């Protein structure tokens, strides 16, 4: 008896989709700038967050764990591919972050972090909700992404009609540009509280390869930072 057409799997299409997903994931090279890792560490330190389990969603090569290992008891990296150089002794789960359901247990993270990941995804609202589901009551969710309101990004938008981190060279890896207000709305819709925004204080001067000194960037953090961080807490029950 012939199989029902609804059960037929288009194997070439599935393989092509997986190849495209892996290619997009690897375009990021699996790491971010040290200034972004410092931004995450400082946000955790400011809130006295230590101990427990860190789940690093969009973990790349695991560089965040190398920075935060003294702060946490355990770690799990989650990404579409496992990068060369990922720590051999670290837990890893392979997950398509654009998929509807992640094969991960709920409420297992004390901190769920997504460093320079959300801009790679098709549905950032669903992504933030997924991070909240991973996190226990009283735990924290943090997200970093390019700062679309920096002077560099706004100048690029004015001259090229696209944000600095979303030019043709960044596509298809960078798919979704988010303003800080979008992140606040996503956090509120997902039920996070004590939500705040912080800036990397690391920004490139337009038309040059140079960056503002930290002391200068601290005078106008939003305008002179290439990246920002949103952090919020999952309410206690």
Protein backbone atom coordinates (compact mmCIF):
# COMPACT_ATOMS: atom_id res chain seq x y z
CA UNK A 1 0.00 0.00 0.00
CA UNK A 2 1.56 3.34 -0.92
CA UNK A 3 2.61 5.63 1.91
CA UNK A 4 0.46 8.62 2.70
CA UNK A 5 1.90 11.69 0.94
CA UNK A 6 2.00 13.49 4.29
CA UNK A 7 4.57 10.93 5.53
CA UNK A 8 6.97 11.40 2.63
CA UNK A 9 10.21 13.09 3.61
CA UNK A 10 12.02 15.10 0.98
CA UNK A 11 15.52 13.93 1.91
CA UNK A 12 17.43 16.25 -0.45
CA UNK A 13 15.50 19.24 0.89
CA UNK A 14 16.24 18.23 4.48
CA UNK A 15 19.93 17.80 3.72
CA UNK A 16 20.05 21.16 1.93
CA UNK A 17 18.34 22.89 4.86
CA UNK A 18 20.83 21.36 7.29
CA UNK A 19 23.76 22.40 5.10
CA UNK A 20 22.43 25.96 4.89
CA UNK A 21 21.96 26.06 8.67
CA UNK A 22 25.52 24.87 9.28
CA UNK A 23 26.93 27.33 6.76
CA UNK A 24 25.12 30.24 8.42
CA UNK A 25 26.28 29.12 11.86
CA UNK A 26 29.91 28.82 10.79
CA UNK A 27 29.89 32.26 9.14
CA UNK A 28 30.07 33.77 12.64
CA UNK A 29 33.38 31.91 13.26
CA UNK A 30 32.08 30.78 16.66
CA UNK A 31 33.40 33.66 18.73
CA UNK A 32 32.78 37.29 19.70
CA UNK A 33 34.93 40.24 20.73
CA UNK A 34 36.51 40.22 24.20
CA UNK A 35 34.67 43.47 24.98
CA UNK A 36 31.37 41.61 24.72
CA UNK A 37 32.51 38.86 27.10
CA UNK A 38 33.64 41.54 29.55
CA UNK A 39 30.23 43.19 29.23
CA UNK A 40 28.55 39.90 30.20
CA UNK A 41 30.94 39.31 33.10
CA UNK A 42 30.42 42.83 34.43
CA UNK A 43 26.62 42.50 34.25
CA UNK A 44 26.78 39.29 36.29
CA UNK A 45 29.24 40.76 38.77
CA UNK A 46 27.06 43.84 39.30
CA UNK A 47 24.22 41.54 40.39
CA UNK A 48 26.33 39.22 42.51
CA UNK A 49 25.53 36.24 40.29
CA UNK A 50 27.70 33.25 41.14
CA UNK A 51 27.29 29.50 41.28
CA UNK A 52 24.77 27.26 39.57
CA UNK A 53 24.49 26.32 35.92
CA UNK A 54 25.23 28.48 32.90
CA UNK A 55 23.57 27.55 29.61
CA UNK A 56 25.29 29.30 26.71
CA UNK A 57 22.85 29.36 23.78
CA UNK A 58 24.65 29.96 20.52
CA UNK A 59 27.86 28.98 22.27
CA UNK A 60 30.14 28.81 19.22
CA UNK A 61 33.56 27.61 20.30
CA UNK A 62 32.76 27.99 24.00
CA UNK A 63 34.74 31.21 24.53
CA UNK A 64 32.20 32.54 27.02
CA UNK A 65 32.86 29.55 29.28
CA UNK A 66 36.58 30.28 29.30
CA UNK A 67 35.76 33.73 30.70
CA UNK A 68 32.99 32.75 33.12
CA UNK A 69 34.21 29.36 34.35
CA UNK A 70 35.31 30.73 37.76
CA UNK A 71 31.80 32.10 38.26
CA UNK A 72 29.67 28.96 37.71
CA UNK A 73 29.53 25.36 38.90
CA UNK A 74 28.51 23.83 35.57
CA UNK A 75 28.08 24.73 31.93
CA UNK A 76 26.19 23.58 28.86
CA UNK A 77 26.80 24.93 25.38
CA UNK A 78 23.99 24.88 22.82
CA UNK A 79 24.43 25.56 19.10
CA UNK A 80 23.56 24.36 15.61
CA UNK A 81 27.07 22.95 15.12
CA UNK A 82 29.95 21.92 17.34
CA UNK A 83 32.95 24.06 16.53
CA UNK A 84 36.53 22.89 16.49
CA UNK A 85 38.19 23.87 19.74
CA UNK A 86 35.05 23.56 21.84
CA UNK A 87 36.14 22.49 25.37
CA UNK A 88 36.34 18.69 25.43
CA UNK A 89 35.07 18.48 29.02
CA UNK A 90 32.08 20.80 28.50
CA UNK A 91 28.51 19.59 27.99
CA UNK A 92 27.16 20.29 24.50
CA UNK A 93 23.72 20.01 22.88
CA UNK A 94 23.20 20.38 19.15
CA UNK A 95 20.01 22.35 18.51
CA UNK A 96 18.53 24.24 15.57
CA UNK A 97 17.75 27.48 17.40
CA UNK A 98 15.17 28.42 14.78
CA UNK A 99 13.21 25.24 15.48
CA UNK A 100 9.93 25.37 17.37
CA UNK A 101 10.89 22.97 20.18
CA UNK A 102 14.34 22.52 21.68
CA UNK A 103 15.22 19.06 23.09
CA UNK A 104 16.25 20.59 26.42
CA UNK A 105 14.64 20.30 29.83
CA UNK A 106 12.97 23.40 31.21
CA UNK A 107 14.13 25.29 34.30
CA UNK A 108 17.69 23.97 34.36
CA UNK A 109 19.67 27.21 33.98
CA UNK A 110 20.60 29.68 36.67
CA UNK A 111 21.72 31.91 33.80
CA UNK A 112 20.74 31.47 30.15
CA UNK A 113 23.04 33.57 27.98
CA UNK A 114 22.83 34.26 24.26
CA UNK A 115 25.90 36.19 23.14
CA UNK A 116 25.63 37.65 19.60
CA UNK A 117 23.09 34.98 18.65
CA UNK A 118 19.64 36.54 18.45
CA UNK A 119 20.49 38.54 15.31
CA UNK A 120 21.15 35.25 13.47
CA UNK A 121 17.61 33.97 14.00
CA UNK A 122 14.29 34.30 12.21
CA UNK A 123 12.06 34.71 15.28
CA UNK A 124 13.74 36.60 18.13
CA UNK A 125 10.51 36.78 20.13
CA UNK A 126 10.19 32.98 20.24
CA UNK A 127 13.91 32.77 21.02
CA UNK A 128 13.63 34.95 24.14
CA UNK A 129 10.64 32.90 25.33
CA UNK A 130 12.73 29.74 24.84
CA UNK A 131 15.54 31.22 26.95
CA UNK A 132 13.05 31.99 29.71
CA UNK A 133 11.71 28.42 29.61
CA UNK A 134 15.27 27.14 30.12
CA UNK A 135 15.75 29.27 33.23
CA UNK A 136 14.63 28.46 36.75
CA UNK A 137 12.51 30.95 38.74
CA UNK A 138 14.84 33.58 40.14
CA UNK A 139 17.41 32.93 37.43
CA UNK A 140 18.63 35.37 34.82
CA UNK A 141 18.41 35.67 31.03
CA UNK A 142 20.86 37.83 29.11
CA UNK A 143 21.17 38.62 25.43
CA UNK A 144 23.78 40.63 23.53
CA UNK A 145 23.45 41.91 19.98
CA UNK A 146 24.83 44.67 17.73
CA UNK A 147 23.79 48.15 18.83
CA UNK A 148 21.74 49.61 15.98
CA UNK A 149 21.65 53.06 17.63
CA UNK A 150 25.40 53.59 17.73
CA UNK A 151 26.77 56.55 15.81
CA UNK A 152 28.48 54.17 13.39
CA UNK A 153 25.31 52.18 12.76
CA UNK A 154 23.13 55.25 12.29
CA UNK A 155 25.66 56.80 9.91
CA UNK A 156 25.74 53.56 7.91
CA UNK A 157 21.94 53.50 7.83
CA UNK A 158 21.89 57.08 6.55
CA UNK A 159 24.49 56.51 3.82
CA UNK A 160 23.86 52.88 2.84
CA UNK A 161 20.26 52.35 3.99
CA UNK A 162 21.20 49.44 6.23
CA UNK A 163 22.61 49.06 9.72
CA UNK A 164 26.36 48.64 10.13
CA UNK A 165 26.19 44.98 11.24
CA UNK A 166 23.62 44.08 8.58
CA UNK A 167 25.36 44.87 5.34
CA UNK A 168 25.55 42.43 2.43
CA UNK A 169 28.76 40.89 3.80
CA UNK A 170 26.93 39.89 6.99
CA UNK A 171 24.05 38.11 5.23
CA UNK A 172 22.76 35.44 5.60
CA UNK A 173 24.37 35.04 9.04
CA UNK A 174 22.90 38.30 10.37
CA UNK A 175 19.18 38.22 9.67
CA UNK A 176 17.31 40.29 12.26
CA UNK A 177 18.30 43.77 13.41
CA UNK A 178 16.90 44.66 16.84
CA UNK A 179 16.74 47.96 18.67
CA UNK A 180 17.14 48.07 22.44
CA UNK A 181 13.44 48.86 22.67
CA UNK A 182 12.68 45.62 20.81
CA UNK A 183 14.71 43.71 23.41
CA UNK A 184 12.83 45.38 26.25
CA UNK A 185 9.51 44.49 24.64
CA UNK A 186 10.58 40.89 24.09
CA UNK A 187 11.73 40.62 27.69
CA UNK A 188 8.46 42.07 28.98
CA UNK A 189 6.36 39.82 26.76
CA UNK A 190 8.32 36.79 28.01
CA UNK A 191 7.68 37.79 31.65
CA UNK A 192 11.15 38.96 32.67
CA UNK A 193 11.50 41.54 35.42
CA UNK A 194 14.29 43.90 36.53
CA UNK A 195 15.17 44.35 32.86
CA UNK A 196 18.05 46.67 32.02
CA UNK A 197 20.32 47.54 29.11
CA UNK A 198 24.11 47.94 29.20
CA UNK A 199 26.65 48.88 26.52
CA UNK A 200 30.03 47.43 25.57
CA UNK A 201 31.92 50.78 25.62
CA UNK A 202 33.77 49.44 22.59
CA UNK A 203 32.89 51.21 19.36
CA UNK A 204 34.63 51.76 16.06
CA UNK A 205 35.19 55.25 14.77
CA UNK A 206 33.39 55.66 11.42
CA UNK A 207 35.60 55.28 8.33
CA UNK A 208 38.55 53.99 10.41
CA UNK A 209 39.73 50.68 11.91
CA UNK A 210 40.22 52.38 15.29
CA UNK A 211 38.01 52.32 18.37
CA UNK A 212 37.07 54.98 20.89
CA UNK A 213 38.99 54.85 24.18
CA UNK A 214 36.82 53.38 26.93
CA UNK A 215 36.91 56.65 28.85
CA UNK A 216 35.48 58.46 25.83
CA UNK A 217 32.86 55.79 25.09
CA UNK A 218 31.66 55.93 28.70
CA UNK A 219 30.61 59.56 28.13
CA UNK A 220 28.03 58.48 25.51
CA UNK A 221 27.60 54.69 25.86
CA UNK A 222 24.71 54.25 23.44
CA UNK A 223 26.31 56.32 20.68
CA UNK A 224 29.84 54.94 21.05
CA UNK A 225 29.26 51.20 21.68
CA UNK A 226 29.03 48.63 18.91
CA UNK A 227 27.12 46.13 21.07
CA UNK A 228 24.57 46.13 23.85
CA UNK A 229 23.30 43.71 26.47
CA UNK A 230 19.81 43.09 27.80
CA UNK A 231 19.48 41.28 31.13
CA UNK A 232 16.35 40.36 33.06
CA UNK A 233 15.24 38.05 35.84
CA UNK A 234 12.71 35.23 35.73
CA UNK A 235 10.20 35.97 38.49
CA UNK A 236 10.14 33.84 41.63
CA UNK A 237 7.01 31.71 41.90
